[in-house]
């Protein structure tokens, strides 16, 4: 059971795909995905939302 935790058994034979590079690749991919989703939401908000409607909704509450 103790042999399964040794460092020599977990080393990759391919030097390109070691643990550090795979972790960095995952962070880069997830960061790019998060930025893509944020850019999409920002584009939807700026292009599709009519900000003039906010004034019509809020203004009658304060006019008396």
N, C-alpha and C. Protein backbone atom coordinates (compact mmCIF):
# COMPACT_ATOMS: atom_id res chain seq x y z
N UNK A 1 0.82 -1.20 0.00
CA UNK A 1 0.00 0.00 0.00
C UNK A 1 0.86 1.26 0.00
N UNK A 2 1.99 1.21 0.68
CA UNK A 2 2.86 2.38 0.75
C UNK A 2 3.53 2.66 -0.59
N UNK A 3 3.68 1.64 -1.42
CA UNK A 3 4.33 1.83 -2.72
C UNK A 3 3.51 2.71 -3.65
N UNK A 4 2.20 2.78 -3.46
CA UNK A 4 1.36 3.57 -4.36
C UNK A 4 1.55 5.07 -4.16
N UNK A 5 2.16 5.47 -3.06
CA UNK A 5 2.38 6.89 -2.80
C UNK A 5 3.79 7.34 -3.13
N UNK A 6 4.58 6.50 -3.74
CA UNK A 6 5.96 6.89 -4.03
C UNK A 6 6.01 7.81 -5.24
N UNK A 7 6.99 8.69 -5.26
CA UNK A 7 7.13 9.66 -6.34
C UNK A 7 7.60 9.01 -7.64
N UNK A 8 8.41 7.97 -7.53
CA UNK A 8 8.96 7.37 -8.74
C UNK A 8 7.88 6.67 -9.57
N UNK A 9 6.84 6.20 -8.95
CA UNK A 9 5.78 5.52 -9.68
C UNK A 9 4.82 6.45 -10.36
N UNK A 10 4.80 7.71 -10.00
CA UNK A 10 3.83 8.64 -10.58
C UNK A 10 4.43 9.55 -11.63
N UNK A 11 5.71 9.41 -11.92
CA UNK A 11 6.33 10.27 -12.92
C UNK A 11 5.86 9.88 -14.31
N UNK A 12 5.62 10.86 -15.15
CA UNK A 12 5.16 10.60 -16.51
C UNK A 12 6.35 10.28 -17.40
N UNK A 13 6.12 9.41 -18.37
CA UNK A 13 7.20 9.08 -19.30
C UNK A 13 7.38 10.16 -20.35
N UNK A 14 6.33 10.92 -20.64
CA UNK A 14 6.40 12.00 -21.62
C UNK A 14 6.70 13.31 -20.88
N UNK A 15 7.82 13.96 -21.16
CA UNK A 15 8.17 15.18 -20.41
C UNK A 15 7.28 16.37 -20.75
N UNK A 16 6.54 16.30 -21.86
CA UNK A 16 5.67 17.43 -22.22
C UNK A 16 4.43 17.49 -21.33
N UNK A 17 3.91 16.35 -20.95
CA UNK A 17 2.68 16.31 -20.16
C UNK A 17 2.98 15.96 -18.70
N UNK A 18 3.74 16.79 -18.03
CA UNK A 18 3.94 16.56 -16.60
C UNK A 18 2.82 17.26 -15.83
N UNK A 19 2.77 17.06 -14.54
CA UNK A 19 1.67 17.57 -13.72
C UNK A 19 1.58 19.08 -13.73
N UNK A 20 2.70 19.76 -13.69
CA UNK A 20 2.71 21.22 -13.64
C UNK A 20 2.17 21.81 -14.94
N UNK A 21 2.58 21.25 -16.07
CA UNK A 21 2.12 21.77 -17.36
C UNK A 21 0.64 21.47 -17.58
N UNK A 22 0.18 20.31 -17.15
CA UNK A 22 -1.24 20.00 -17.28
C UNK A 22 -2.09 20.91 -16.40
N UNK A 23 -1.60 21.21 -15.20
CA UNK A 23 -2.32 22.12 -14.32
C UNK A 23 -2.38 23.51 -14.93
N UNK A 24 -1.27 23.98 -15.48
CA UNK A 24 -1.24 25.29 -16.12
C UNK A 24 -2.17 25.32 -17.33
N UNK A 25 -2.18 24.26 -18.11
CA UNK A 25 -3.07 24.18 -19.26
C UNK A 25 -4.54 24.24 -18.82
N UNK A 26 -4.88 23.56 -17.74
CA UNK A 26 -6.24 23.60 -17.22
C UNK A 26 -6.62 24.98 -16.73
N UNK A 27 -5.70 25.66 -16.08
CA UNK A 27 -5.97 27.02 -15.60
C UNK A 27 -6.17 27.98 -16.77
N UNK A 28 -5.35 27.83 -17.81
CA UNK A 28 -5.47 28.70 -18.98
C UNK A 28 -6.79 28.45 -19.70
N UNK A 29 -7.17 27.19 -19.87
CA UNK A 29 -8.42 26.88 -20.56
C UNK A 29 -9.62 27.36 -19.76
N UNK A 30 -9.62 27.14 -18.46
CA UNK A 30 -10.75 27.58 -17.65
C UNK A 30 -10.82 29.11 -17.58
N UNK A 31 -9.67 29.77 -17.55
CA UNK A 31 -9.67 31.23 -17.56
C UNK A 31 -10.19 31.79 -18.87
N UNK A 32 -9.79 31.16 -19.98
CA UNK A 32 -10.29 31.59 -21.29
C UNK A 32 -11.80 31.38 -21.39
N UNK A 33 -12.29 30.28 -20.86
CA UNK A 33 -13.73 30.03 -20.87
C UNK A 33 -14.47 31.06 -20.04
N UNK A 34 -13.95 31.38 -18.86
CA UNK A 34 -14.59 32.38 -18.00
C UNK A 34 -14.60 33.75 -18.66
N UNK A 35 -13.51 34.12 -19.31
CA UNK A 35 -13.47 35.41 -20.01
C UNK A 35 -14.43 35.43 -21.20
N UNK A 36 -14.58 34.31 -21.88
CA UNK A 36 -15.52 34.23 -23.00
C UNK A 36 -16.95 34.39 -22.52
N UNK A 37 -17.30 33.74 -21.43
CA UNK A 37 -18.65 33.88 -20.87
C UNK A 37 -18.89 35.31 -20.40
N UNK A 38 -17.91 35.92 -19.74
CA UNK A 38 -18.06 37.30 -19.28
C UNK A 38 -18.21 38.26 -20.46
N UNK A 39 -17.44 38.03 -21.52
CA UNK A 39 -17.56 38.89 -22.71
C UNK A 39 -18.91 38.72 -23.38
N UNK A 40 -19.42 37.51 -23.42
CA UNK A 40 -20.74 37.26 -24.01
C UNK A 40 -21.83 37.96 -23.20
N UNK A 41 -21.77 37.85 -21.88
CA UNK A 41 -22.77 38.52 -21.04
C UNK A 41 -22.68 40.03 -21.16
N UNK A 42 -21.47 40.56 -21.23
CA UNK A 42 -21.31 42.01 -21.41
C UNK A 42 -21.85 42.46 -22.75
N UNK A 43 -21.65 41.66 -23.79
CA UNK A 43 -22.17 42.01 -25.11
C UNK A 43 -23.69 41.97 -25.12
N UNK A 44 -24.28 40.98 -24.48
CA UNK A 44 -25.74 40.90 -24.42
C UNK A 44 -26.31 42.09 -23.66
N UNK A 45 -25.69 42.44 -22.55
CA UNK A 45 -26.19 43.56 -21.75
C UNK A 45 -26.07 44.87 -22.51
N UNK A 46 -24.94 45.10 -23.16
CA UNK A 46 -24.76 46.38 -23.84
C UNK A 46 -25.52 46.48 -25.15
N UNK A 47 -25.74 45.37 -25.84
CA UNK A 47 -26.38 45.43 -27.15
C UNK A 47 -27.89 45.19 -27.11
N UNK A 48 -28.38 44.43 -26.15
CA UNK A 48 -29.78 44.03 -26.16
C UNK A 48 -30.64 44.77 -25.13
N UNK A 49 -30.04 45.32 -24.09
CA UNK A 49 -30.82 45.96 -23.03
C UNK A 49 -31.06 47.42 -23.40
N UNK A 50 -32.31 47.84 -23.31
CA UNK A 50 -32.67 49.24 -23.56
C UNK A 50 -32.61 49.97 -22.22
N UNK A 51 -31.56 50.76 -22.04
CA UNK A 51 -31.35 51.42 -20.75
C UNK A 51 -32.34 52.56 -20.53
N UNK A 52 -33.00 53.02 -21.57
CA UNK A 52 -34.04 54.04 -21.41
C UNK A 52 -35.24 53.52 -20.65
N UNK A 53 -35.46 52.22 -20.66
CA UNK A 53 -36.58 51.65 -19.91
C UNK A 53 -36.37 51.74 -18.41
N UNK A 54 -35.12 51.75 -17.97
CA UNK A 54 -34.86 51.87 -16.54
C UNK A 54 -35.37 53.20 -16.00
N UNK A 55 -35.24 54.24 -16.77
CA UNK A 55 -35.71 55.56 -16.34
C UNK A 55 -37.23 55.54 -16.23
N UNK A 56 -37.91 54.92 -17.16
CA UNK A 56 -39.37 54.87 -17.13
C UNK A 56 -39.88 54.01 -15.98
N UNK A 57 -39.12 53.02 -15.58
CA UNK A 57 -39.54 52.16 -14.47
C UNK A 57 -39.30 52.86 -13.14
N UNK A 58 -38.17 53.51 -12.97
CA UNK A 58 -37.78 54.10 -11.68
C UNK A 58 -38.42 55.46 -11.46
N UNK A 59 -38.54 56.28 -12.49
CA UNK A 59 -38.99 57.66 -12.32
C UNK A 59 -40.39 57.78 -11.72
N UNK A 60 -41.39 57.00 -12.10
CA UNK A 60 -42.72 57.18 -11.49
C UNK A 60 -42.75 56.93 -9.98
N UNK A 61 -41.81 56.20 -9.45
CA UNK A 61 -41.79 55.95 -8.01
C UNK A 61 -41.43 57.21 -7.24
N UNK A 62 -40.68 58.11 -7.84
CA UNK A 62 -40.20 59.29 -7.13
C UNK A 62 -40.92 60.57 -7.53
N UNK A 63 -41.87 60.49 -8.46
CA UNK A 63 -42.59 61.68 -8.91
C UNK A 63 -43.93 61.74 -8.19
N UNK A 64 -44.12 62.77 -7.40
CA UNK A 64 -45.41 63.02 -6.72
C UNK A 64 -45.59 64.49 -6.50
